[in-house]
C-alpha cells in the first residue's frame, strides 16, 4: 500500500511540474524551430537568466547588414534583437522608402538567423489610417494621438475597424502628395496592412526554405493615452477584439506558424486585475510583459517596478506564458552610468521575478566610458543570455 501511495505521489508531482511549464496558445501547431525558441525563452525564465535584447541593434532604415554600433562598443552579439514594422509598412511613407526598408529588414532577419540562429522581437508602431497628408511630422510618430493635426472625429478608429464603418482613409504623405490608392474605410485599410506585414513575414526563411521564428509585440502600452489603441480611444473589450482580429488575420495571411505573440502594457497598473483588463486571452498570446522607463529614477521607483515584475511573473506562471520586460533604458542622466549594475541587476535577481526576455530601447545612453563600462559589466556576467554568454 505504501509503495502504491509513493507511486501516486510521484506521478502527481510530475504532472504538477508539467502543468506550470509555459506553453504556446493551442489553436495551431508552431514550426519546430518556433516551438524550440519558445521553450528556450521559457527555460530562461525558469533559470532566472533572461535573454538580452536591444532595439535598433541593426537599423534597417539605413542598412541591410549585421553591422552594429552596439556590438562595436560592447563586443556582444545578441540572440534576440529589436526591430519594427513601422518603416516597412503603412500608407505614409513612399513606396520606394518602404521597399528599401523591407529589403533591409528581410536581409537582416535572414543573416542574423544564419549567423547565430538569432530571432527578431518586432514592435508595430502602425500609423493611424486617418492621418492627413499635411500632418505635422511630430517625431515621426503618426501613431501618436493628441498632437496637432489628428482627426478628432475619428478618435475611435478601432471601433470603425471592428464594425466595418468609417470614411475613406489611407491618403498618406508620399512626399507631400496624396496617396493614389485610398481605402473606403479603416477596416479595408487595416486588412491591407495585415496582408502587407504577412507578405514580409513569409520572406523570413533560411537557406533551406524553412521559416524563421519571430516575436511580435502587438498594440503595446495600451493603458496609455498617446496611441490610437490607447484607453481613451478604445474600450477594453474592443481592444481585446482588435488584438484577436490582428492575430487571426496574420495567421490567415502568413500560414507559416512562426510567430510568438506578445502582450505588453506600460507600467501604469498596480494589480493583476488592472494588468489583465485588456488581456486578449491565452489563445492569442505567448509572451506577456510590460514597458518601464522609471527603473533608474530612484530606489522607490525600482521597488515599484520589482512589484510589477513579480505580478507579471506570477501571471505568466498561472497562464503558462513567458514573462518579459519589453522596453526600458538608462535614459536618466543622473543614473545612466549605474543603471545596469545598480538597478537592472537587482530587478532580475529578485526572488519571484522570472523574465525570459528583457529588451533595452534605443533611448539607452551609451556614450561615456562609465555608461559603456556599466553595460559591459552587466552583459559579461551570468545575469543575461547573449551569444557571448
Protein backbone atom coordinates (compact mmCIF):
# COMPACT_ATOMS: atom_id res chain seq x y z
CA UNK A 1 0.00 0.00 0.00
CA UNK A 2 2.84 2.36 0.88
CA UNK A 3 4.52 1.67 -2.48
CA UNK A 4 1.28 2.47 -4.33
CA UNK A 5 1.00 5.72 -2.37
CA UNK A 6 4.54 6.71 -3.31
CA UNK A 7 3.89 5.95 -6.98
CA UNK A 8 0.75 8.12 -6.94
CA UNK A 9 2.63 10.89 -5.12
CA UNK A 10 5.49 10.89 -7.63
CA UNK A 11 3.06 10.90 -10.53
CA UNK A 12 1.20 13.84 -9.01
CA UNK A 13 4.42 15.80 -8.53
CA UNK A 14 5.48 15.05 -12.09
CA UNK A 15 2.16 16.20 -13.51
CA UNK A 16 2.23 19.34 -11.38
CA UNK A 17 5.63 20.23 -12.82
CA UNK A 18 4.28 19.79 -16.33
CA UNK A 19 1.28 21.99 -15.55
CA UNK A 20 3.37 25.06 -14.72
CA UNK A 21 5.56 24.88 -17.80
CA UNK A 22 4.93 27.68 -20.28
CA UNK A 23 3.06 26.74 -23.38
CA UNK A 24 2.02 28.40 -26.62
CA UNK A 25 -1.60 29.01 -27.39
CA UNK A 26 -3.33 25.91 -28.57
CA UNK A 27 -5.30 26.61 -31.73
CA UNK A 28 -2.38 25.93 -34.09
CA UNK A 29 0.82 23.96 -34.47
CA UNK A 30 4.01 26.01 -34.38
CA UNK A 31 7.01 25.15 -36.50
CA UNK A 32 9.63 23.08 -34.71
CA UNK A 33 12.12 25.97 -34.61
CA UNK A 34 9.49 28.35 -33.23
CA UNK A 35 8.49 25.84 -30.58
CA UNK A 36 12.16 25.38 -29.64
CA UNK A 37 12.60 29.12 -29.28
CA UNK A 38 9.54 29.37 -27.07
CA UNK A 39 10.91 26.59 -24.88
CA UNK A 40 14.27 28.38 -24.71
CA UNK A 41 12.58 31.58 -23.53
CA UNK A 42 10.57 29.57 -21.03
CA UNK A 43 13.71 27.84 -19.73
CA UNK A 44 15.48 31.21 -19.44
CA UNK A 45 12.64 32.48 -17.25
CA UNK A 46 12.79 29.34 -15.09
CA UNK A 47 16.56 29.67 -14.73
CA UNK A 48 16.40 33.39 -13.88
CA UNK A 49 18.69 34.26 -16.79
CA UNK A 50 16.66 36.15 -19.42
CA UNK A 51 17.71 36.75 -22.99
CA UNK A 52 19.01 40.28 -23.53
CA UNK A 53 17.70 42.26 -26.50
CA UNK A 54 18.47 45.74 -27.80
CA UNK A 55 16.08 47.61 -30.06
CA UNK A 56 17.63 49.05 -33.22
CA UNK A 57 20.62 46.78 -32.90
CA UNK A 58 20.53 46.69 -36.70
CA UNK A 59 18.88 49.89 -38.00
CA UNK A 60 17.01 48.54 -41.03
CA UNK A 61 16.06 52.04 -42.13
CA UNK A 62 19.61 52.57 -43.35
CA UNK A 63 21.35 49.19 -43.67
CA UNK A 64 20.86 45.57 -44.68
CA UNK A 65 23.83 44.10 -42.79
CA UNK A 66 24.52 42.98 -39.22
CA UNK A 67 26.85 45.89 -38.60
CA UNK A 68 26.06 47.34 -35.17
CA UNK A 69 27.45 50.26 -33.21
CA UNK A 70 26.28 48.47 -30.04
CA UNK A 71 28.33 45.38 -30.85
CA UNK A 72 31.30 47.59 -31.73
CA UNK A 73 31.14 49.33 -28.35
CA UNK A 74 30.21 46.32 -26.22
CA UNK A 75 31.70 43.35 -28.04
CA UNK A 76 28.43 41.47 -27.64
CA UNK A 77 26.12 39.88 -30.22
CA UNK A 78 22.50 39.03 -29.49
CA UNK A 79 20.23 36.03 -29.80
CA UNK A 80 17.19 38.35 -29.72
CA UNK A 81 17.20 41.81 -31.30
CA UNK A 82 14.55 44.51 -31.57
CA UNK A 83 13.08 45.80 -34.83
CA UNK A 84 9.84 47.43 -36.02
CA UNK A 85 7.44 47.07 -38.94
CA UNK A 86 6.79 50.81 -38.82
CA UNK A 87 9.21 51.77 -41.57
CA UNK A 88 8.32 48.91 -43.92
CA UNK A 89 4.53 49.24 -43.87
CA UNK A 90 1.62 51.66 -43.93
CA UNK A 91 0.48 54.36 -46.35
CA UNK A 92 2.53 57.30 -45.13
CA UNK A 93 5.98 56.52 -46.48
CA UNK A 94 6.79 56.46 -50.18
CA UNK A 95 6.74 53.06 -51.93
CA UNK A 96 10.46 53.41 -52.64
CA UNK A 97 11.31 54.03 -48.99
CA UNK A 98 9.16 51.14 -47.78
CA UNK A 99 10.62 48.78 -50.37
CA UNK A 100 14.17 49.64 -49.30
CA UNK A 101 13.36 49.18 -45.60
CA UNK A 102 11.58 45.92 -46.37
CA UNK A 103 14.57 44.52 -48.26
CA UNK A 104 16.91 45.61 -45.46
CA UNK A 105 14.65 44.00 -42.88
CA UNK A 106 14.46 40.68 -44.71
CA UNK A 107 18.22 40.65 -45.19
CA UNK A 108 18.91 41.33 -41.50
CA UNK A 109 16.49 38.64 -40.30
CA UNK A 110 17.98 36.03 -42.64
CA UNK A 111 21.59 36.92 -41.83
CA UNK A 112 21.03 37.03 -38.06
CA UNK A 113 19.45 33.57 -38.23
CA UNK A 114 22.25 32.26 -40.43
CA UNK A 115 24.97 33.62 -38.14
CA UNK A 116 23.58 32.97 -34.66
CA UNK A 117 20.11 31.47 -35.09
CA UNK A 118 19.01 34.79 -33.62
CA UNK A 119 15.41 35.98 -33.83
CA UNK A 120 13.78 39.42 -34.08
CA UNK A 121 11.42 40.86 -31.49
CA UNK A 122 9.09 43.06 -33.54
CA UNK A 123 7.08 46.06 -32.46
CA UNK A 124 4.49 47.62 -34.75
CA UNK A 125 4.01 51.38 -34.40
CA UNK A 126 1.29 51.46 -37.03
CA UNK A 127 0.11 54.90 -38.15
CA UNK A 128 -3.50 55.99 -37.75
CA UNK A 129 -5.28 55.50 -41.12
CA UNK A 130 -6.80 58.98 -40.94
CA UNK A 131 -3.54 60.89 -40.54
CA UNK A 132 -3.82 63.72 -43.09
CA UNK A 133 -1.21 64.42 -45.74
CA UNK A 134 -0.23 67.71 -44.10
CA UNK A 135 0.09 66.22 -40.61
CA UNK A 136 2.86 67.81 -38.56
CA UNK A 137 5.75 65.36 -38.50
CA UNK A 138 5.91 65.20 -34.72
CA UNK A 139 8.94 62.98 -34.02
CA UNK A 140 7.83 60.91 -36.99
CA UNK A 141 5.11 59.49 -34.74
CA UNK A 142 1.95 59.22 -36.81
CA UNK A 143 0.66 56.66 -34.33
CA UNK A 144 0.50 59.29 -31.58
CA UNK A 145 -2.83 60.81 -30.65
CA UNK A 146 -3.36 64.23 -29.16
CA UNK A 147 -0.94 66.23 -31.33
CA UNK A 148 -1.85 68.98 -33.77
CA UNK A 149 -3.49 67.73 -36.92
CA UNK A 150 -5.02 64.48 -35.71
CA UNK A 151 -8.60 63.96 -36.96
CA UNK A 152 -10.64 64.29 -33.77
CA UNK A 153 -13.83 62.97 -35.36
CA UNK A 154 -12.17 59.62 -35.91
CA UNK A 155 -10.72 59.12 -32.46
CA UNK A 156 -12.48 55.73 -32.15
CA UNK A 157 -10.98 54.25 -35.29
CA UNK A 158 -10.65 50.75 -33.79
CA UNK A 159 -14.43 50.59 -33.37
CA UNK A 160 -14.72 51.58 -37.04
CA UNK A 161 -12.35 48.75 -37.98
CA UNK A 162 -14.28 46.20 -35.93
CA UNK A 163 -17.65 47.35 -37.28
CA UNK A 164 -16.53 47.93 -40.88
CA UNK A 165 -17.58 51.59 -40.72
CA UNK A 166 -15.94 54.98 -41.22
CA UNK A 167 -14.76 57.09 -44.14
CA UNK A 168 -12.16 56.88 -46.88
CA UNK A 169 -8.64 56.90 -45.44
CA UNK A 170 -5.03 55.96 -46.05
CA UNK A 171 -4.08 59.04 -48.03
CA UNK A 172 -0.54 59.11 -46.70
CA UNK A 173 2.06 61.75 -47.37
CA UNK A 174 4.27 60.42 -50.15
CA UNK A 175 6.49 63.49 -50.17
CA UNK A 176 3.59 65.90 -49.75
CA UNK A 177 1.29 64.30 -52.32
CA UNK A 178 -1.82 62.33 -51.54
CA UNK A 179 -1.68 58.60 -51.93
CA UNK A 180 -3.09 57.48 -55.25
CA UNK A 181 -4.53 54.39 -53.54
CA UNK A 182 -7.14 55.12 -50.87
CA UNK A 183 -9.42 52.81 -48.92
CA UNK A 184 -13.18 53.03 -48.41
CA UNK A 185 -12.84 52.70 -44.63
CA UNK A 186 -10.34 51.74 -41.90
CA UNK A 187 -11.38 48.07 -41.97
CA UNK A 188 -10.30 47.78 -45.60
CA UNK A 189 -7.13 49.76 -44.84
CA UNK A 190 -6.24 47.58 -41.84
CA UNK A 191 -6.81 44.37 -43.77
CA UNK A 192 -4.34 45.63 -46.38
CA UNK A 193 -1.81 46.40 -43.65
CA UNK A 194 -2.06 42.88 -42.24
CA UNK A 195 -1.55 41.45 -45.73
CA UNK A 196 1.44 43.75 -46.14
CA UNK A 197 3.03 42.53 -42.91
CA UNK A 198 2.23 38.92 -43.78
CA UNK A 199 4.00 39.32 -47.13
CA UNK A 200 7.14 40.39 -45.26
CA UNK A 201 6.92 37.61 -42.66
CA UNK A 202 6.62 34.96 -45.38
CA UNK A 203 10.03 36.11 -46.68
CA UNK A 204 11.72 35.25 -43.38
CA UNK A 205 13.19 31.91 -44.47
CA UNK A 206 16.50 30.14 -44.01
CA UNK A 207 18.71 28.76 -46.77
CA UNK A 208 16.60 25.58 -46.91
CA UNK A 209 13.34 27.49 -47.23
CA UNK A 210 12.20 26.97 -43.62
CA UNK A 211 10.50 29.92 -41.93
CA UNK A 212 12.42 31.77 -39.22
CA UNK A 213 10.76 32.29 -35.80
CA UNK A 214 9.83 35.82 -34.74
CA UNK A 215 8.31 37.55 -31.72
CA UNK A 216 5.60 40.11 -32.50
CA UNK A 217 4.54 42.53 -29.76
CA UNK A 218 1.10 43.86 -30.67
CA UNK A 219 -0.52 47.17 -29.65
CA UNK A 220 1.79 47.85 -26.73
CA UNK A 221 1.35 50.37 -23.90
CA UNK A 222 -2.39 50.02 -24.33
CA UNK A 223 -3.33 51.58 -20.98
CA UNK A 224 -1.69 54.87 -22.02
CA UNK A 225 -3.47 57.68 -23.91
CA UNK A 226 -0.91 58.61 -26.52
CA UNK A 227 -1.52 55.96 -29.18
CA UNK A 228 -4.67 55.37 -31.18
CA UNK A 229 -5.10 52.00 -29.48
CA UNK A 230 -4.83 53.63 -26.03
CA UNK A 231 -7.51 53.52 -23.35
CA UNK A 232 -9.15 56.85 -24.26
CA UNK A 233 -9.82 55.69 -27.80
CA UNK A 234 -10.94 52.08 -27.41
CA UNK A 235 -12.81 50.16 -24.72
CA UNK A 236 -11.07 47.24 -23.05
CA UNK A 237 -13.38 44.78 -24.79
CA UNK A 238 -12.83 46.34 -28.22
CA UNK A 239 -9.07 46.38 -27.62
CA UNK A 240 -9.16 42.65 -26.94
CA UNK A 241 -11.22 42.08 -30.08
CA UNK A 242 -8.77 44.18 -32.11
CA UNK A 243 -5.78 42.23 -30.79
CA UNK A 244 -7.53 38.95 -31.59
CA UNK A 245 -8.50 40.18 -35.06
CA UNK A 246 -4.88 41.09 -35.78
CA UNK A 247 -3.63 37.65 -34.76
CA UNK A 248 -6.29 35.86 -36.80
CA UNK A 249 -5.59 37.93 -39.91
CA UNK A 250 -1.83 37.42 -39.66
CA UNK A 251 -2.30 33.70 -39.12
CA UNK A 252 -4.56 33.55 -42.15
CA UNK A 253 -2.30 35.58 -44.44
CA UNK A 254 1.04 34.12 -43.37
CA UNK A 255 0.02 30.48 -42.93
CA UNK A 256 3.53 29.92 -41.57
CA UNK A 257 3.11 29.29 -37.81
CA UNK A 258 6.37 31.01 -36.90
CA UNK A 259 5.07 33.89 -34.78
CA UNK A 260 5.17 34.18 -30.99
CA UNK A 261 2.70 36.91 -29.99
CA UNK A 262 3.34 39.25 -27.07
CA UNK A 263 1.01 41.37 -24.91
CA UNK A 264 2.71 44.32 -23.24
CA UNK A 265 1.08 47.28 -21.43
CA UNK A 266 3.13 50.12 -20.00
CA UNK A 267 3.74 50.43 -16.25
CA UNK A 268 0.52 52.26 -15.27
CA UNK A 269 -1.15 49.42 -13.39
CA UNK A 270 -0.68 48.05 -9.88
CA UNK A 271 -2.53 44.77 -9.67
CA UNK A 272 -3.21 41.59 -11.61
CA UNK A 273 -6.78 42.79 -12.24
CA UNK A 274 -5.57 46.05 -13.79
CA UNK A 275 -2.92 44.28 -15.86
CA UNK A 276 -5.38 41.73 -17.23
CA UNK A 277 -8.07 44.28 -18.08
CA UNK A 278 -7.12 44.27 -21.78
CA UNK A 279 -5.55 40.81 -21.96
CA UNK A 280 -6.81 39.22 -25.21
CA UNK A 281 -6.77 35.67 -23.88
CA UNK A 282 -4.43 32.70 -23.67
CA UNK A 283 -5.29 31.57 -27.20
CA UNK A 284 -3.73 34.73 -28.66
CA UNK A 285 -0.65 35.34 -26.51
CA UNK A 286 2.67 33.56 -25.90
CA UNK A 287 4.67 36.21 -24.02
CA UNK A 288 3.39 38.75 -21.51
CA UNK A 289 5.26 41.72 -20.11
CA UNK A 290 5.38 45.46 -19.73
CA UNK A 291 7.42 48.58 -20.52
CA UNK A 292 9.07 50.59 -17.76
CA UNK A 293 11.37 53.59 -18.00
CA UNK A 294 11.06 54.52 -14.32
CA UNK A 295 13.57 51.96 -13.06
CA UNK A 296 16.55 54.32 -12.94
CA UNK A 297 14.76 57.23 -11.30
CA UNK A 298 15.30 56.09 -7.72
CA UNK A 299 15.04 53.19 -5.28
CA UNK A 300 11.34 53.76 -4.65
CA UNK A 301 10.60 53.50 -8.38
CA UNK A 302 12.77 50.39 -8.59
CA UNK A 303 10.74 48.79 -5.80
CA UNK A 304 7.53 49.60 -7.68
CA UNK A 305 8.97 48.01 -10.82
CA UNK A 306 10.01 44.91 -8.88
CA UNK A 307 6.46 44.56 -7.56
CA UNK A 308 5.06 44.79 -11.08
CA UNK A 309 7.63 42.27 -12.32
CA UNK A 310 6.60 39.81 -9.60
CA UNK A 311 2.94 40.23 -10.54
CA UNK A 312 3.64 39.61 -14.23
CA UNK A 313 5.82 36.62 -13.40
CA UNK A 314 3.00 35.11 -11.33
CA UNK A 315 0.51 35.71 -14.12
CA UNK A 316 2.89 34.14 -16.64
CA UNK A 317 3.26 31.08 -14.43
CA UNK A 318 -0.51 30.81 -13.94
CA UNK A 319 -1.27 31.14 -17.66
CA UNK A 320 1.79 29.18 -18.83
CA UNK A 321 3.31 32.13 -20.69
CA UNK A 322 6.78 33.69 -20.74
CA UNK A 323 7.25 36.93 -18.78
CA UNK A 324 9.26 39.79 -20.27
CA UNK A 325 10.37 43.37 -19.82
CA UNK A 326 9.85 44.70 -23.33
CA UNK A 327 11.13 48.28 -23.02
CA UNK A 328 13.45 50.00 -20.59
CA UNK A 329 16.61 52.12 -20.83
CA UNK A 330 19.24 54.02 -18.87
CA UNK A 331 17.60 57.24 -20.04
CA UNK A 332 18.03 59.28 -16.83
CA UNK A 333 21.28 61.22 -16.87
CA UNK A 334 21.77 61.02 -13.09
CA UNK A 335 21.81 57.20 -13.12
CA UNK A 336 22.83 56.44 -16.71
CA UNK A 337 26.25 55.12 -15.66
CA UNK A 338 24.95 52.81 -12.88
CA UNK A 339 21.61 51.75 -14.35
CA UNK A 340 22.58 48.22 -15.36
CA UNK A 341 24.53 47.09 -12.31
CA UNK A 342 22.64 49.06 -9.63
CA UNK A 343 19.07 48.95 -10.97
CA UNK A 344 18.51 46.33 -13.67
CA UNK A 345 20.64 43.68 -11.93
CA UNK A 346 18.70 43.80 -8.62
CA UNK A 347 15.44 43.61 -10.57
CA UNK A 348 16.47 40.44 -12.39
CA UNK A 349 17.90 38.79 -9.26
CA UNK A 350 14.84 39.38 -7.07
CA UNK A 351 13.07 36.20 -5.98
CA UNK A 352 9.79 35.88 -7.85
CA UNK A 353 10.96 37.84 -10.90
CA UNK A 354 11.13 35.29 -13.72
CA UNK A 355 11.82 37.07 -17.01
CA UNK A 356 12.58 35.12 -20.16
CA UNK A 357 13.45 38.32 -22.04
CA UNK A 358 14.48 41.90 -21.32
CA UNK A 359 14.81 44.48 -24.07
CA UNK A 360 16.60 47.81 -23.99
CA UNK A 361 15.15 50.55 -26.15
CA UNK A 362 17.03 52.88 -28.47
CA UNK A 363 16.92 55.76 -25.97
CA UNK A 364 19.56 53.96 -23.90
CA UNK A 365 22.69 56.02 -23.27
CA UNK A 366 25.93 54.50 -24.49
CA UNK A 367 28.25 57.48 -24.88
CA UNK A 368 30.52 57.95 -21.90
CA UNK A 369 33.17 55.45 -20.72
CA UNK A 370 31.21 54.92 -17.48
CA UNK A 371 27.97 54.18 -19.36
CA UNK A 372 29.76 51.67 -21.57
CA UNK A 373 31.57 50.09 -18.61
CA UNK A 374 28.33 49.70 -16.65
CA UNK A 375 26.65 47.88 -19.53
CA UNK A 376 29.70 45.72 -20.32
CA UNK A 377 29.96 44.54 -16.70
CA UNK A 378 26.29 43.65 -16.78
CA UNK A 379 26.50 41.78 -20.10
CA UNK A 380 29.68 39.92 -19.19
CA UNK A 381 28.11 38.49 -16.05
CA UNK A 382 25.83 35.45 -15.94
CA UNK A 383 22.73 37.60 -15.49
CA UNK A 384 21.51 37.52 -19.09
CA UNK A 385 21.89 35.40 -22.21
CA UNK A 386 23.75 36.74 -25.23
CA UNK A 387 25.69 34.98 -27.98
CA UNK A 388 28.84 35.58 -25.96
CA UNK A 389 27.49 34.18 -22.66
